[in-house]
Amino acid sequence: MGAAGGVATRLVVRLLGEGHAVFGIDQRPWVGAPVEYYEGDLRLRSAERAFGAWRPDVVVHMDPAASPFADDDDRRGSLVEMTRTVFDYCKAHGVEHCVQVSRHTFYGAGSGLPLFRLEHEPASDTHGFPRLADVVAADTFATNVLWRVPELVTTVLRECYTLGPTGHGTLALYLRAKRVPVVLGFDPLIQLIHEEDAISALVRTIERRPRGVFNIAGPPPLPLSDVIREAGRIPVSIPEFAFAGLLGRFGLPPLDRGAISHLKFPIVVDSSAFRTCANFSFAHDVLGTIHAFRDAFPPSGQ
């Protein structure tokens, strides 16, 4: 599910190369898809008919989680519906294992919160950030399936920011312009993982089928200002009182106002549980990950 996304398409290619039979569903077009592909709304009966005909053993739901960018209003509220539909299909068609790809932003960002987040910790207040509220609701629904549907192996992966040469994802969009806005007086730690390592974590999840909720992360985090500079960009400090009014103007990215707290306070997850149970280790260090993006997307204006 969500097969036409940047990481998802590469996951499909990786799985095909390892001999798996793969099928895909997404509302977005995928020209030249190398697998049987249904383009359309997951909630339509025709989508369920396609799903039932394929009868997969494993489902990976990678529907895009709430982006902090302000151009996806039409997706608001749909994430929970999509997640519910995915699990309904899994129960109806005998799926053995379902992987829900969530985000580490589930935990929220704010003053007074712990630096390192463990899987048992609850989400923080999502007031004023509807897209994050959707992520939390979908994550919570999938987590509840763990005990409500014990015959289905459910894995919820709370993945940190991905970055790499495809330029897809929240962090890549934020870093796309030459000048990147930061909140004056704040420099939070940013945790990221190379796209290929994120794919490897998903493949390992499919192979090992761990039941539970797991944080997914790569190398140790860097301060936001270092991430920006290593990406070849220039951090532009803006006072918080003026920040929201400047978003989407003067070449600055159109961030959702609710995302400002994520540019002030860190979200760093402890991913040791997944590394242990899945025998997973990342292959790309933090500078190599950032430079892979920088080399593929030189800052505009150069």
Protein backbone atom coordinates (compact mmCIF):
# COMPACT_ATOMS: atom_id res chain seq x y z
CA MET A 1 0.00 0.00 0.00
CA GLY A 2 1.40 3.41 -0.95
CA ALA A 3 3.57 1.62 -3.50
CA ALA A 4 4.34 4.67 -5.66
CA GLY A 5 6.26 6.57 -2.97
CA GLY A 6 9.98 7.21 -3.20
CA VAL A 7 11.14 4.60 -0.69
CA ALA A 8 8.28 2.23 -1.56
CA THR A 9 9.21 1.93 -5.24
CA ARG A 10 12.77 1.03 -4.29
CA LEU A 11 11.50 -1.47 -1.73
CA VAL A 12 9.47 -3.13 -4.49
CA VAL A 13 12.55 -3.39 -6.71
CA ARG A 14 14.62 -4.80 -3.83
CA LEU A 15 11.99 -7.43 -3.01
CA LEU A 16 11.67 -8.43 -6.66
CA GLY A 17 15.44 -8.84 -6.83
CA GLU A 18 15.29 -11.18 -3.85
CA GLY A 19 12.71 -13.39 -5.53
CA HIS A 20 9.49 -12.20 -3.87
CA ALA A 21 6.19 -11.86 -5.71
CA VAL A 22 5.10 -8.25 -5.22
CA PHE A 23 1.91 -6.32 -5.91
CA GLY A 24 1.20 -2.63 -5.44
CA ILE A 25 -1.70 -0.29 -4.67
CA ASP A 26 -1.61 3.52 -4.65
CA GLN A 27 -3.71 6.49 -5.71
CA ARG A 28 -0.68 7.96 -7.48
CA PRO A 29 0.38 6.82 -10.95
CA TRP A 30 3.44 4.63 -11.36
CA VAL A 31 4.38 4.64 -15.02
CA GLY A 32 6.22 1.47 -15.98
CA ALA A 33 5.61 -0.28 -12.67
CA PRO A 34 7.50 -3.60 -12.71
CA VAL A 35 4.71 -5.37 -10.80
CA GLU A 36 0.95 -5.82 -11.00
CA TYR A 37 -0.31 -2.44 -9.91
CA TYR A 38 -3.70 -1.02 -8.95
CA GLU A 39 -3.95 2.75 -9.31
CA GLY A 40 -6.86 4.13 -7.35
CA ASP A 41 -8.42 4.70 -3.97
CA LEU A 42 -7.70 1.83 -1.61
CA ARG A 43 -11.22 2.10 -0.20
CA LEU A 44 -12.97 1.25 -3.49
CA ARG A 45 -14.45 -2.21 -4.02
CA SER A 46 -12.33 -2.65 -7.12
CA ALA A 47 -9.23 -2.22 -4.92
CA GLU A 48 -10.44 -4.91 -2.54
CA ARG A 49 -11.15 -7.22 -5.47
CA ALA A 50 -7.56 -6.76 -6.66
CA PHE A 51 -6.29 -7.33 -3.13
CA GLY A 52 -8.39 -10.48 -2.76
CA ALA A 53 -7.16 -11.84 -6.08
CA TRP A 54 -3.53 -11.39 -5.02
CA ARG A 55 -4.03 -12.86 -1.50
CA PRO A 56 -0.66 -11.65 -0.15
CA ASP A 57 1.01 -13.23 2.86
CA VAL A 58 2.53 -9.90 3.95
CA VAL A 59 1.22 -6.35 3.56
CA VAL A 60 3.36 -3.22 3.98
CA HIS A 61 1.29 -0.08 4.43
CA MET A 62 3.41 2.90 3.43
CA ASP A 63 0.69 5.45 2.82
CA PRO A 64 2.38 8.86 3.21
CA ALA A 65 2.22 9.96 6.81
CA ALA A 66 1.21 13.51 7.65
CA SER A 67 3.61 15.87 5.99
CA PRO A 68 4.44 19.18 7.69
CA PHE A 69 4.09 20.86 4.30
CA ALA A 70 0.96 22.86 3.64
CA ASP A 71 0.08 21.52 0.20
CA ASP A 72 -1.66 18.28 1.16
CA ASP A 73 -4.94 19.45 2.71
CA ASP A 74 -6.86 16.94 0.61
CA ARG A 75 -5.12 14.12 2.51
CA ARG A 76 -6.24 15.31 5.94
CA GLY A 77 -8.17 12.65 7.81
CA SER A 78 -7.63 10.01 5.14
CA LEU A 79 -4.68 8.30 6.82
CA VAL A 80 -6.80 6.72 9.56
CA GLU A 81 -9.40 5.56 7.03
CA MET A 82 -6.70 4.03 4.86
CA THR A 83 -5.13 2.28 7.84
CA ARG A 84 -8.47 0.85 8.95
CA THR A 85 -9.13 -0.36 5.40
CA VAL A 86 -5.74 -2.05 5.18
CA PHE A 87 -6.35 -4.03 8.35
CA ASP A 88 -9.91 -4.89 7.29
CA TYR A 89 -8.52 -6.37 4.07
CA CYS A 90 -5.86 -8.25 5.98
CA LYS A 91 -8.45 -9.87 8.26
CA ALA A 92 -10.85 -10.64 5.40
CA HIS A 93 -8.27 -12.21 3.09
CA GLY A 94 -6.07 -14.23 5.43
CA VAL A 95 -2.95 -12.05 5.49
CA GLU A 96 -0.37 -13.39 7.92
CA HIS A 97 1.69 -10.25 8.59
CA CYS A 98 0.93 -6.52 8.29
CA VAL A 99 3.59 -3.80 8.60
CA GLN A 100 2.36 -0.28 9.38
CA VAL A 101 5.02 2.32 8.59
CA SER A 102 4.56 5.19 11.02
CA ARG A 103 6.83 8.12 11.92
CA HIS A 104 9.01 9.01 14.89
CA THR A 105 7.18 12.34 14.95
CA PHE A 106 4.41 10.31 16.66
CA TYR A 107 6.08 11.26 19.95
CA GLY A 108 5.75 14.99 19.32
CA ALA A 109 8.21 17.78 20.00
CA GLY A 110 8.12 20.21 22.89
CA SER A 111 9.90 21.57 25.91
CA GLY A 112 10.10 19.29 28.91
CA LEU A 113 9.82 16.08 26.91
CA PRO A 114 12.53 13.40 27.23
CA LEU A 115 15.34 13.44 24.67
CA PHE A 116 15.31 9.70 23.91
CA ARG A 117 11.90 8.17 23.17
CA LEU A 118 11.11 4.52 23.81
CA GLU A 119 8.30 2.58 22.18
CA HIS A 120 6.11 2.47 25.29
CA GLU A 121 5.93 6.25 25.59
CA PRO A 122 2.69 7.97 24.54
CA ALA A 123 2.24 10.64 21.91
CA SER A 124 2.43 14.22 23.14
CA ASP A 125 -0.17 16.91 22.49
CA THR A 126 -0.93 17.30 18.76
CA HIS A 127 -3.10 20.39 19.17
CA GLY A 128 -2.59 22.75 16.25
CA PHE A 129 -0.97 20.12 14.02
CA PRO A 130 -3.79 18.14 12.33
CA ARG A 131 -1.43 16.18 10.09
CA LEU A 132 0.47 14.87 13.10
CA ALA A 133 -2.83 14.05 14.80
CA ASP A 134 -3.62 11.83 11.80
CA VAL A 135 -0.30 10.01 12.17
CA VAL A 136 -0.94 9.45 15.88
CA ALA A 137 -4.47 8.15 15.24
CA ALA A 138 -3.32 5.74 12.52
CA ASP A 139 -0.39 4.53 14.65
CA THR A 140 -2.71 4.02 17.63
CA PHE A 141 -5.20 2.08 15.52
CA ALA A 142 -2.47 -0.23 14.21
CA THR A 143 -1.06 -0.72 17.72
CA ASN A 144 -4.50 -1.70 19.01
CA VAL A 145 -4.70 -4.41 16.33
CA LEU A 146 -1.77 -6.11 18.09
CA TRP A 147 -4.05 -7.33 20.87
CA ARG A 148 -7.45 -7.18 19.12
CA VAL A 149 -6.41 -9.46 16.24
CA PRO A 150 -3.78 -11.83 17.69
CA GLU A 151 -3.89 -14.15 14.67
CA LEU A 152 -2.44 -11.34 12.52
CA VAL A 153 1.23 -10.57 13.14
CA THR A 154 1.31 -6.77 13.28
CA THR A 155 4.47 -4.65 13.20
CA VAL A 156 4.39 -0.89 13.70
CA LEU A 157 7.60 0.84 12.63
CA ARG A 158 8.13 4.42 13.86
CA GLU A 159 10.71 5.54 11.35
CA CYS A 160 12.86 8.66 11.66
CA TYR A 161 13.42 11.06 8.75
CA THR A 162 14.71 9.39 5.60
CA LEU A 163 17.18 11.15 3.32
CA GLY A 164 19.05 10.20 0.19
CA PRO A 165 19.47 10.62 -3.55
CA THR A 166 15.77 10.35 -4.50
CA GLY A 167 14.94 13.59 -2.69
CA HIS A 168 11.69 12.20 -1.32
CA GLY A 169 10.45 12.72 2.20
CA THR A 170 9.82 15.46 4.73
CA LEU A 171 13.45 16.32 5.45
CA ALA A 172 14.42 16.39 1.77
CA LEU A 173 11.58 18.81 0.98
CA TYR A 174 12.60 21.03 3.87
CA LEU A 175 16.21 21.10 2.64
CA ARG A 176 15.40 21.59 -1.04
CA ALA A 177 16.00 25.38 -1.33
CA LYS A 178 19.37 27.10 -0.94
CA ARG A 179 18.26 29.00 2.17
CA VAL A 180 16.60 26.96 4.90
CA PRO A 181 14.62 28.63 7.72
CA VAL A 182 15.39 27.88 11.36
CA VAL A 183 13.87 29.34 14.50
CA LEU A 184 16.16 31.91 16.06
CA GLY A 185 17.74 30.57 19.26
CA PHE A 186 16.96 26.89 18.60
CA ASP A 187 19.10 24.15 17.11
CA PRO A 188 17.47 20.75 17.76
CA LEU A 189 19.08 17.40 17.14
CA ILE A 190 17.83 15.81 13.91
CA GLN A 191 17.76 12.04 13.52
CA LEU A 192 17.81 10.59 10.02
CA ILE A 193 18.39 7.36 8.13
CA HIS A 194 19.59 6.74 4.59
CA GLU A 195 16.84 5.63 2.22
CA GLU A 196 18.65 2.35 1.51
CA ASP A 197 18.96 1.60 5.21
CA ALA A 198 15.24 2.31 5.65
CA ILE A 199 14.55 -0.19 2.86
CA SER A 200 16.86 -2.74 4.49
CA ALA A 201 14.95 -2.34 7.77
CA LEU A 202 11.69 -3.04 5.95
CA VAL A 203 13.11 -6.10 4.21
CA ARG A 204 14.41 -7.40 7.54
CA THR A 205 10.96 -6.82 9.06
CA ILE A 206 9.32 -8.82 6.28
CA GLU A 207 11.81 -11.65 6.77
CA ARG A 208 11.75 -11.76 10.58
CA ARG A 209 8.08 -10.83 11.17
CA PRO A 210 8.54 -9.29 14.62
CA ARG A 211 5.31 -8.57 16.49
CA GLY A 212 5.14 -5.20 18.24
CA VAL A 213 6.04 -1.52 17.98
CA PHE A 214 9.60 -0.57 17.04
CA ASN A 215 11.56 2.63 16.51
CA ILE A 216 13.69 2.72 13.34
CA ALA A 217 16.74 4.99 13.22
CA GLY A 218 20.16 5.29 11.65
CA PRO A 219 23.34 6.91 12.97
CA PRO A 220 23.51 9.34 15.90
CA PRO A 221 21.74 12.66 15.27
CA LEU A 222 23.26 16.00 14.32
CA PRO A 223 22.18 19.54 15.21
CA LEU A 224 19.83 20.95 12.60
CA SER A 225 22.29 23.68 11.63
CA ASP A 226 24.95 21.07 10.85
CA VAL A 227 22.50 19.05 8.74
CA ILE A 228 21.66 22.17 6.73
CA ARG A 229 25.30 23.14 6.16
CA GLU A 230 26.39 19.61 5.27
CA ALA A 231 23.59 19.60 2.69
CA GLY A 232 25.23 22.65 1.11
CA ARG A 233 22.51 25.01 2.29
CA ILE A 234 22.47 28.19 4.34
CA PRO A 235 20.47 28.31 7.61
CA VAL A 236 18.41 31.49 7.92
CA SER A 237 17.46 32.35 11.51
CA ILE A 238 14.00 33.85 11.87
CA PRO A 239 12.44 35.04 15.16
CA GLU A 240 9.59 32.79 16.18
CA PHE A 241 7.02 35.61 16.20
CA ALA A 242 7.69 36.20 12.47
CA PHE A 243 8.29 32.59 11.44
CA ALA A 244 4.74 31.50 10.60
CA GLY A 245 4.07 34.62 8.53
CA LEU A 246 7.09 34.03 6.32
CA LEU A 247 6.46 30.35 5.54
CA GLY A 248 5.91 29.77 1.85
CA ARG A 249 7.25 33.23 0.96
CA PHE A 250 10.63 34.53 -0.23
CA GLY A 251 11.69 31.04 -1.27
CA LEU A 252 11.04 29.47 2.15
CA PRO A 253 9.24 26.11 2.29
CA PRO A 254 5.47 26.13 2.99
CA LEU A 255 5.62 24.38 6.33
CA ASP A 256 2.52 23.79 8.39
CA ARG A 257 2.45 26.12 11.39
CA GLY A 258 2.16 23.11 13.65
CA ALA A 259 5.61 21.96 12.49
CA ILE A 260 7.41 24.92 14.06
CA SER A 261 7.84 23.05 17.36
CA HIS A 262 9.74 20.35 15.41
CA LEU A 263 12.28 23.01 14.40
CA LYS A 264 12.73 23.99 18.05
CA PHE A 265 12.83 20.74 20.00
CA PRO A 266 14.41 17.35 19.21
CA ILE A 267 12.76 13.97 18.72
CA VAL A 268 15.40 11.26 19.14
CA VAL A 269 14.29 7.64 19.34
CA ASP A 270 15.98 4.63 20.89
CA SER A 271 15.99 1.94 18.20
CA SER A 272 17.86 -0.73 20.14
CA ALA A 273 14.83 -3.04 20.39
CA PHE A 274 14.54 -3.34 16.61
CA ARG A 275 18.29 -3.72 16.12
CA THR A 276 18.28 -6.62 18.57
CA CYS A 277 15.18 -8.52 17.44
CA ALA A 278 15.79 -8.02 13.70
CA ASN A 279 19.60 -8.20 13.83
CA PHE A 280 19.62 -4.88 11.97
CA SER A 281 22.46 -2.40 11.54
CA PHE A 282 22.62 0.68 9.31
CA ALA A 283 25.24 0.83 6.55
CA HIS A 284 25.40 4.59 5.90
CA ASP A 285 26.84 7.13 8.34
CA VAL A 286 25.17 10.48 8.90
CA LEU A 287 27.50 12.59 6.75
CA GLY A 288 27.38 10.10 3.89
CA THR A 289 23.58 10.17 4.05
CA ILE A 290 23.40 13.96 3.90
CA HIS A 291 26.02 14.17 1.16
CA ALA A 292 24.12 11.64 -0.96
CA PHE A 293 21.18 14.04 -0.94
CA ARG A 294 23.41 17.09 -1.51
CA ASP A 295 25.12 15.53 -4.51
CA ALA A 296 21.81 14.54 -6.09
CA PHE A 297 20.16 17.89 -5.34
CA PRO A 298 22.62 20.80 -5.38
CA PRO A 299 21.00 23.86 -3.81
CA SER A 300 19.07 26.00 -6.26
CA GLY A 301 20.69 29.27 -7.17
CA GLN A 302 24.20 27.86 -7.55
